[in-house]
Amino acid sequence: MDLVVSTPMLVAFVGDCTTTGSALTPLEDAVCTATGPTGLGIIAVYSFLIAFVLPLPSEVVLVPAETLRLGLSTTGNLAAIVVVSALGKAFGSLVAFHIGQEAKEYGPLVRRIKQSRFDIIEWSEKTTIQLAKKYGYVGLALALCVPFFPDTLSIYAFTVLEEDYLRFGAATFAGSAGRLLVTLGLAGGTLALL
């Protein structure tokens, strides 16, 4: 499979995070300017953290593809970014999964969340949980493929329903990689089978 993408179009679609003076967190800025193997490490840590703590866009990891300096083509850099980001998010989702399993056993916490002003659980049931109930782990992967949707909520919502760490990790890996590929497609890239 060969991936052809116009990097300027991708940056414009995802957001030009390389300009100075923008309202980025230091971590987002580090991702946007990542280079070399250390850059891949930064992308992995960022992806790990957004799976269970940070409500930040995961698509921003695609921005440094052209300037990553791994000795690969832009396509090779994109492939490395997709795999490293998906692995980071899968490991982060396993932390979220563990937290969710613990919270499930602590009934007062779940009741408190349901009574909160924002009623996160009810909102999540309308989207992710319905998809997960109907399609299982494939539903989670599909929910995570939606670009610019807060995947941290999807991950936590799904932890309430399931108990298999391995399948959960695999679904979040597939969904995270799928999300980045969908983003590339929407940004004007094309996926072509050779």
C-alpha atoms as a PDB file:
ATOM      1  CA  MET A   1       0.000   0.000   0.000  1.00  0.00           C
ATOM      2  CA  ASP A   2       1.354   3.404  -0.946  1.00  0.00           C
ATOM      3  CA  LEU A   3       0.215   6.543   0.796  1.00  0.00           C
ATOM      4  CA  VAL A   4       0.245   9.763  -1.173  1.00  0.00           C
ATOM      5  CA  VAL A   5      -0.543  12.880   0.819  1.00  0.00           C
ATOM      6  CA  SER A   6       0.001  16.555   0.357  1.00  0.00           C
ATOM      7  CA  THR A   7       1.650  17.625   3.607  1.00  0.00           C
ATOM      8  CA  PRO A   8       0.694  21.332   3.355  1.00  0.00           C
ATOM      9  CA  MET A   9      -2.940  20.274   2.875  1.00  0.00           C
ATOM     10  CA  LEU A  10      -2.648  17.920   5.869  1.00  0.00           C
ATOM     11  CA  VAL A  11      -1.228  20.683   8.074  1.00  0.00           C
ATOM     12  CA  ALA A  12      -4.002  23.046   6.995  1.00  0.00           C
ATOM     13  CA  PHE A  13      -6.626  20.367   7.689  1.00  0.00           C
ATOM     14  CA  VAL A  14      -5.296  19.237  11.073  1.00  0.00           C
ATOM     15  CA  GLY A  15      -4.210  22.707  12.100  1.00  0.00           C
ATOM     16  CA  ASP A  16      -0.994  24.590  11.585  1.00  0.00           C
ATOM     17  CA  CYS A  17       0.580  24.027  14.943  1.00  0.00           C
ATOM     18  CA  THR A  18       4.044  25.045  13.843  1.00  0.00           C
ATOM     19  CA  THR A  19       3.401  28.763  13.924  1.00  0.00           C
ATOM     20  CA  THR A  20       4.665  30.715  16.876  1.00  0.00           C
ATOM     21  CA  GLY A  21       2.283  32.427  19.221  1.00  0.00           C
ATOM     22  CA  SER A  22      -0.479  29.865  18.836  1.00  0.00           C
ATOM     23  CA  ALA A  23      -2.493  28.650  21.815  1.00  0.00           C
ATOM     24  CA  LEU A  24      -0.867  25.231  22.088  1.00  0.00           C
ATOM     25  CA  THR A  25       0.041  23.338  25.187  1.00  0.00           C
ATOM     26  CA  PRO A  26       3.780  22.717  25.560  1.00  0.00           C
ATOM     27  CA  LEU A  27       3.145  19.034  24.845  1.00  0.00           C
ATOM     28  CA  GLU A  28       1.259  19.792  21.616  1.00  0.00           C
ATOM     29  CA  ASP A  29       4.070  22.132  20.587  1.00  0.00           C
ATOM     30  CA  ALA A  30       6.615  19.371  21.272  1.00  0.00           C
ATOM     31  CA  VAL A  31       4.613  16.992  19.059  1.00  0.00           C
ATOM     32  CA  CYS A  32       4.343  19.544  16.257  1.00  0.00           C
ATOM     33  CA  THR A  33       8.096  20.118  16.203  1.00  0.00           C
ATOM     34  CA  ALA A  34       9.148  16.506  16.864  1.00  0.00           C
ATOM     35  CA  THR A  35      12.152  15.169  14.954  1.00  0.00           C
ATOM     36  CA  GLY A  36      14.099  11.933  14.868  1.00  0.00           C
ATOM     37  CA  PRO A  37      13.602   8.907  17.101  1.00  0.00           C
ATOM     38  CA  THR A  38      13.118  11.234  20.079  1.00  0.00           C
ATOM     39  CA  GLY A  39      10.238  12.794  18.137  1.00  0.00           C
ATOM     40  CA  LEU A  40       8.624   9.376  17.807  1.00  0.00           C
ATOM     41  CA  GLY A  41       9.032   8.980  21.567  1.00  0.00           C
ATOM     42  CA  ILE A  42       7.280  12.316  22.127  1.00  0.00           C
ATOM     43  CA  ILE A  43       4.460  11.203  19.818  1.00  0.00           C
ATOM     44  CA  ALA A  44       4.149   7.919  21.753  1.00  0.00           C
ATOM     45  CA  VAL A  45       3.997   9.717  25.124  1.00  0.00           C
ATOM     46  CA  TYR A  46       1.468  12.248  23.793  1.00  0.00           C
ATOM     47  CA  SER A  47      -0.717   9.457  22.391  1.00  0.00           C
ATOM     48  CA  PHE A  48      -0.428   7.525  25.654  1.00  0.00           C
ATOM     49  CA  LEU A  49      -1.551  10.540  27.682  1.00  0.00           C
ATOM     50  CA  ILE A  50      -4.465  11.554  25.447  1.00  0.00           C
ATOM     51  CA  ALA A  51      -5.957   8.088  25.819  1.00  0.00           C
ATOM     52  CA  PHE A  52      -6.748   8.568  29.491  1.00  0.00           C
ATOM     53  CA  VAL A  53      -5.868  12.046  30.744  1.00  0.00           C
ATOM     54  CA  LEU A  54      -5.607  14.812  28.163  1.00  0.00           C
ATOM     55  CA  PRO A  55      -8.592  15.974  26.095  1.00  0.00           C
ATOM     56  CA  LEU A  56      -6.357  17.008  23.196  1.00  0.00           C
ATOM     57  CA  PRO A  57      -6.592  16.165  19.480  1.00  0.00           C
ATOM     58  CA  SER A  58      -4.768  13.018  18.463  1.00  0.00           C
ATOM     59  CA  GLU A  59      -4.599  14.085  14.817  1.00  0.00           C
ATOM     60  CA  VAL A  60      -1.872  16.626  15.568  1.00  0.00           C
ATOM     61  CA  VAL A  61       0.687  13.774  15.594  1.00  0.00           C
ATOM     62  CA  LEU A  62       0.503  13.724  11.788  1.00  0.00           C
ATOM     63  CA  VAL A  63       1.863  17.257  11.408  1.00  0.00           C
ATOM     64  CA  PRO A  64       5.621  16.519  11.721  1.00  0.00           C
ATOM     65  CA  ALA A  65       5.542  13.761   9.062  1.00  0.00           C
ATOM     66  CA  GLU A  66       7.507  15.773   6.530  1.00  0.00           C
ATOM     67  CA  THR A  67      10.101  17.085   8.989  1.00  0.00           C
ATOM     68  CA  LEU A  68      10.521  14.068  11.279  1.00  0.00           C
ATOM     69  CA  ARG A  69      13.998  13.249   9.897  1.00  0.00           C
ATOM     70  CA  LEU A  70      13.985   9.488  10.349  1.00  0.00           C
ATOM     71  CA  GLY A  71      15.748   8.837   7.056  1.00  0.00           C
ATOM     72  CA  LEU A  72      12.446   7.719   5.556  1.00  0.00           C
ATOM     73  CA  SER A  73      10.185   9.208   2.931  1.00  0.00           C
ATOM     74  CA  THR A  74       7.190  11.236   4.057  1.00  0.00           C
ATOM     75  CA  THR A  75       5.120   8.083   3.523  1.00  0.00           C
ATOM     76  CA  GLY A  76       7.516   6.105   5.726  1.00  0.00           C
ATOM     77  CA  ASN A  77       7.369   8.819   8.380  1.00  0.00           C
ATOM     78  CA  LEU A  78       3.557   8.750   8.263  1.00  0.00           C
ATOM     79  CA  ALA A  79       3.547   4.973   8.652  1.00  0.00           C
ATOM     80  CA  ALA A  80       5.932   5.194  11.624  1.00  0.00           C
ATOM     81  CA  ILE A  81       3.799   7.924  13.206  1.00  0.00           C
ATOM     82  CA  VAL A  82       0.574   5.943  12.759  1.00  0.00           C
ATOM     83  CA  VAL A  83       2.053   2.784  14.316  1.00  0.00           C
ATOM     84  CA  VAL A  84       3.802   4.568  17.211  1.00  0.00           C
ATOM     85  CA  SER A  85       0.778   6.754  17.957  1.00  0.00           C
ATOM     86  CA  ALA A  86      -1.606   3.783  17.843  1.00  0.00           C
ATOM     87  CA  LEU A  87       0.671   1.783  20.165  1.00  0.00           C
ATOM     88  CA  GLY A  88       0.919   4.717  22.577  1.00  0.00           C
ATOM     89  CA  LYS A  89      -2.832   5.178  22.610  1.00  0.00           C
ATOM     90  CA  ALA A  90      -3.427   1.433  23.024  1.00  0.00           C
ATOM     91  CA  PHE A  91      -1.177   1.343  26.110  1.00  0.00           C
ATOM     92  CA  GLY A  92      -2.803   4.506  27.476  1.00  0.00           C
ATOM     93  CA  SER A  93      -6.232   3.010  26.908  1.00  0.00           C
ATOM     94  CA  LEU A  94      -5.213  -0.023  28.944  1.00  0.00           C
ATOM     95  CA  VAL A  95      -4.475   2.331  31.846  1.00  0.00           C
ATOM     96  CA  ALA A  96      -7.923   3.869  31.339  1.00  0.00           C
ATOM     97  CA  PHE A  97      -9.390   0.378  31.125  1.00  0.00           C
ATOM     98  CA  HIS A  98      -7.827  -0.552  34.450  1.00  0.00           C
ATOM     99  CA  ILE A  99      -9.136   2.661  36.033  1.00  0.00           C
ATOM    100  CA  GLY A 100     -12.587   1.911  34.604  1.00  0.00           C
ATOM    101  CA  GLN A 101     -12.530  -1.625  35.979  1.00  0.00           C
ATOM    102  CA  GLU A 102     -11.643  -0.291  39.422  1.00  0.00           C
ATOM    103  CA  ALA A 103     -14.338   2.407  39.222  1.00  0.00           C
ATOM    104  CA  LYS A 104     -16.923  -0.186  38.200  1.00  0.00           C
ATOM    105  CA  GLU A 105     -16.339  -1.927  41.478  1.00  0.00           C
ATOM    106  CA  TYR A 106     -16.706   1.340  43.368  1.00  0.00           C
ATOM    107  CA  GLY A 107     -20.445   2.021  43.046  1.00  0.00           C
ATOM    108  CA  PRO A 108     -20.467   5.412  44.819  1.00  0.00           C
ATOM    109  CA  LEU A 109     -18.106   6.853  42.206  1.00  0.00           C
ATOM    110  CA  VAL A 110     -20.339   5.773  39.328  1.00  0.00           C
ATOM    111  CA  ARG A 111     -23.415   7.165  41.135  1.00  0.00           C
ATOM    112  CA  ARG A 112     -21.589  10.463  41.692  1.00  0.00           C
ATOM    113  CA  ILE A 113     -20.677  10.714  38.008  1.00  0.00           C
ATOM    114  CA  LYS A 114     -24.299  10.016  37.014  1.00  0.00           C
ATOM    115  CA  GLN A 115     -25.483  12.791  39.352  1.00  0.00           C
ATOM    116  CA  SER A 116     -22.899  15.292  38.112  1.00  0.00           C
ATOM    117  CA  ARG A 117     -23.915  18.388  36.195  1.00  0.00           C
ATOM    118  CA  PHE A 118     -22.387  17.100  32.957  1.00  0.00           C
ATOM    119  CA  ASP A 119     -23.752  13.518  33.109  1.00  0.00           C
ATOM    120  CA  ILE A 120     -20.896  12.105  31.074  1.00  0.00           C
ATOM    121  CA  ILE A 121     -22.114   8.528  31.350  1.00  0.00           C
ATOM    122  CA  GLU A 122     -25.563   9.259  29.873  1.00  0.00           C
ATOM    123  CA  TRP A 123     -24.066  11.267  26.998  1.00  0.00           C
ATOM    124  CA  SER A 124     -21.559   8.508  26.261  1.00  0.00           C
ATOM    125  CA  GLU A 125     -24.272   5.856  26.265  1.00  0.00           C
ATOM    126  CA  LYS A 126     -26.002   7.687  23.430  1.00  0.00           C
ATOM    127  CA  THR A 127     -22.937   7.309  21.244  1.00  0.00           C
ATOM    128  CA  THR A 128     -20.123   4.989  22.186  1.00  0.00           C
ATOM    129  CA  ILE A 129     -21.880   2.585  24.504  1.00  0.00           C
ATOM    130  CA  GLN A 130     -24.692   1.917  22.034  1.00  0.00           C
ATOM    131  CA  LEU A 131     -22.123   1.265  19.335  1.00  0.00           C
ATOM    132  CA  ALA A 132     -20.101  -0.928  21.688  1.00  0.00           C
ATOM    133  CA  LYS A 133     -23.152  -2.906  22.830  1.00  0.00           C
ATOM    134  CA  LYS A 134     -24.196  -3.547  19.268  1.00  0.00           C
ATOM    135  CA  TYR A 135     -20.790  -4.249  17.719  1.00  0.00           C
ATOM    136  CA  GLY A 136     -18.504  -5.053  20.684  1.00  0.00           C
ATOM    137  CA  TYR A 137     -14.823  -4.361  20.238  1.00  0.00           C
ATOM    138  CA  VAL A 138     -15.348  -3.594  16.556  1.00  0.00           C
ATOM    139  CA  GLY A 139     -17.739  -0.851  17.710  1.00  0.00           C
ATOM    140  CA  LEU A 140     -15.034   0.645  19.903  1.00  0.00           C
ATOM    141  CA  ALA A 141     -12.555   0.582  17.026  1.00  0.00           C
ATOM    142  CA  LEU A 142     -15.111   2.236  14.738  1.00  0.00           C
ATOM    143  CA  ALA A 143     -15.919   4.913  17.334  1.00  0.00           C
ATOM    144  CA  LEU A 144     -12.220   5.694  17.657  1.00  0.00           C
ATOM    145  CA  CYS A 145     -11.890   6.081  13.875  1.00  0.00           C
ATOM    146  CA  VAL A 146     -13.940   9.290  13.930  1.00  0.00           C
ATOM    147  CA  PRO A 147     -11.522  12.221  13.547  1.00  0.00           C
ATOM    148  CA  PHE A 148     -11.715  15.142  15.975  1.00  0.00           C
ATOM    149  CA  PHE A 149     -14.110  13.292  18.311  1.00  0.00           C
ATOM    150  CA  PRO A 150     -12.875  13.168  21.925  1.00  0.00           C
ATOM    151  CA  ASP A 151     -11.652   9.606  22.129  1.00  0.00           C
ATOM    152  CA  THR A 152     -10.872   9.790  25.854  1.00  0.00           C
ATOM    153  CA  LEU A 153     -14.633   9.737  26.501  1.00  0.00           C
ATOM    154  CA  SER A 154     -15.126   6.789  24.158  1.00  0.00           C
ATOM    155  CA  ILE A 155     -12.390   4.829  25.867  1.00  0.00           C
ATOM    156  CA  TYR A 156     -13.739   5.422  29.367  1.00  0.00           C
ATOM    157  CA  ALA A 157     -17.337   4.778  28.327  1.00  0.00           C
ATOM    158  CA  PHE A 158     -16.371   1.415  26.881  1.00  0.00           C
ATOM    159  CA  THR A 159     -14.431   0.329  29.983  1.00  0.00           C
ATOM    160  CA  VAL A 160     -17.704   0.026  31.876  1.00  0.00           C
ATOM    161  CA  LEU A 161     -18.956  -2.693  29.516  1.00  0.00           C
ATOM    162  CA  GLU A 162     -16.003  -4.951  28.900  1.00  0.00           C
ATOM    163  CA  GLU A 163     -13.395  -6.929  30.806  1.00  0.00           C
ATOM    164  CA  ASP A 164     -10.889  -8.274  28.258  1.00  0.00           C
ATOM    165  CA  TYR A 165      -7.658  -6.254  28.368  1.00  0.00           C
ATOM    166  CA  LEU A 166      -6.126  -7.812  25.244  1.00  0.00           C
ATOM    167  CA  ARG A 167      -9.165  -7.268  23.008  1.00  0.00           C
ATOM    168  CA  PHE A 168      -9.617  -3.760  24.403  1.00  0.00           C
ATOM    169  CA  GLY A 169      -5.985  -2.893  23.621  1.00  0.00           C
ATOM    170  CA  ALA A 170      -6.270  -4.375  20.124  1.00  0.00           C
ATOM    171  CA  ALA A 171      -9.487  -2.448  19.427  1.00  0.00           C
ATOM    172  CA  THR A 172      -7.973   0.844  20.556  1.00  0.00           C
ATOM    173  CA  PHE A 173      -4.862   0.192  18.459  1.00  0.00           C
ATOM    174  CA  ALA A 174      -6.980  -0.504  15.367  1.00  0.00           C
ATOM    175  CA  GLY A 175      -9.275   2.450  16.026  1.00  0.00           C
ATOM    176  CA  SER A 176      -6.390   4.833  16.663  1.00  0.00           C
ATOM    177  CA  ALA A 177      -4.567   3.807  13.497  1.00  0.00           C
ATOM    178  CA  GLY A 178      -7.851   3.953  11.570  1.00  0.00           C
ATOM    179  CA  ARG A 179      -8.531   7.464  12.864  1.00  0.00           C
ATOM    180  CA  LEU A 180      -5.196   8.729  11.569  1.00  0.00           C
ATOM    181  CA  LEU A 181      -5.741   7.048   8.188  1.00  0.00           C
ATOM    182  CA  VAL A 182      -9.246   8.537   7.940  1.00  0.00           C
ATOM    183  CA  THR A 183      -7.776  11.943   8.809  1.00  0.00           C
ATOM    184  CA  LEU A 184      -5.191  11.559   6.055  1.00  0.00           C
ATOM    185  CA  GLY A 185      -7.941  10.631   3.611  1.00  0.00           C
ATOM    186  CA  LEU A 186     -10.079  13.608   4.600  1.00  0.00           C
ATOM    187  CA  ALA A 187      -7.064  15.913   4.340  1.00  0.00           C
ATOM    188  CA  GLY A 188      -6.754  15.118   0.667  1.00  0.00           C
ATOM    189  CA  GLY A 189      -4.454  12.132   0.766  1.00  0.00           C
ATOM    190  CA  THR A 190      -5.341   9.017  -1.087  1.00  0.00           C
ATOM    191  CA  LEU A 191      -4.770   5.415  -0.168  1.00  0.00           C
ATOM    192  CA  ALA A 192      -3.916   3.340  -3.190  1.00  0.00           C
ATOM    193  CA  LEU A 193      -3.220  -0.368  -3.301  1.00  0.00           C
ATOM    194  CA  LEU A 194      -0.259  -1.293  -5.464  1.00  0.00           C
END
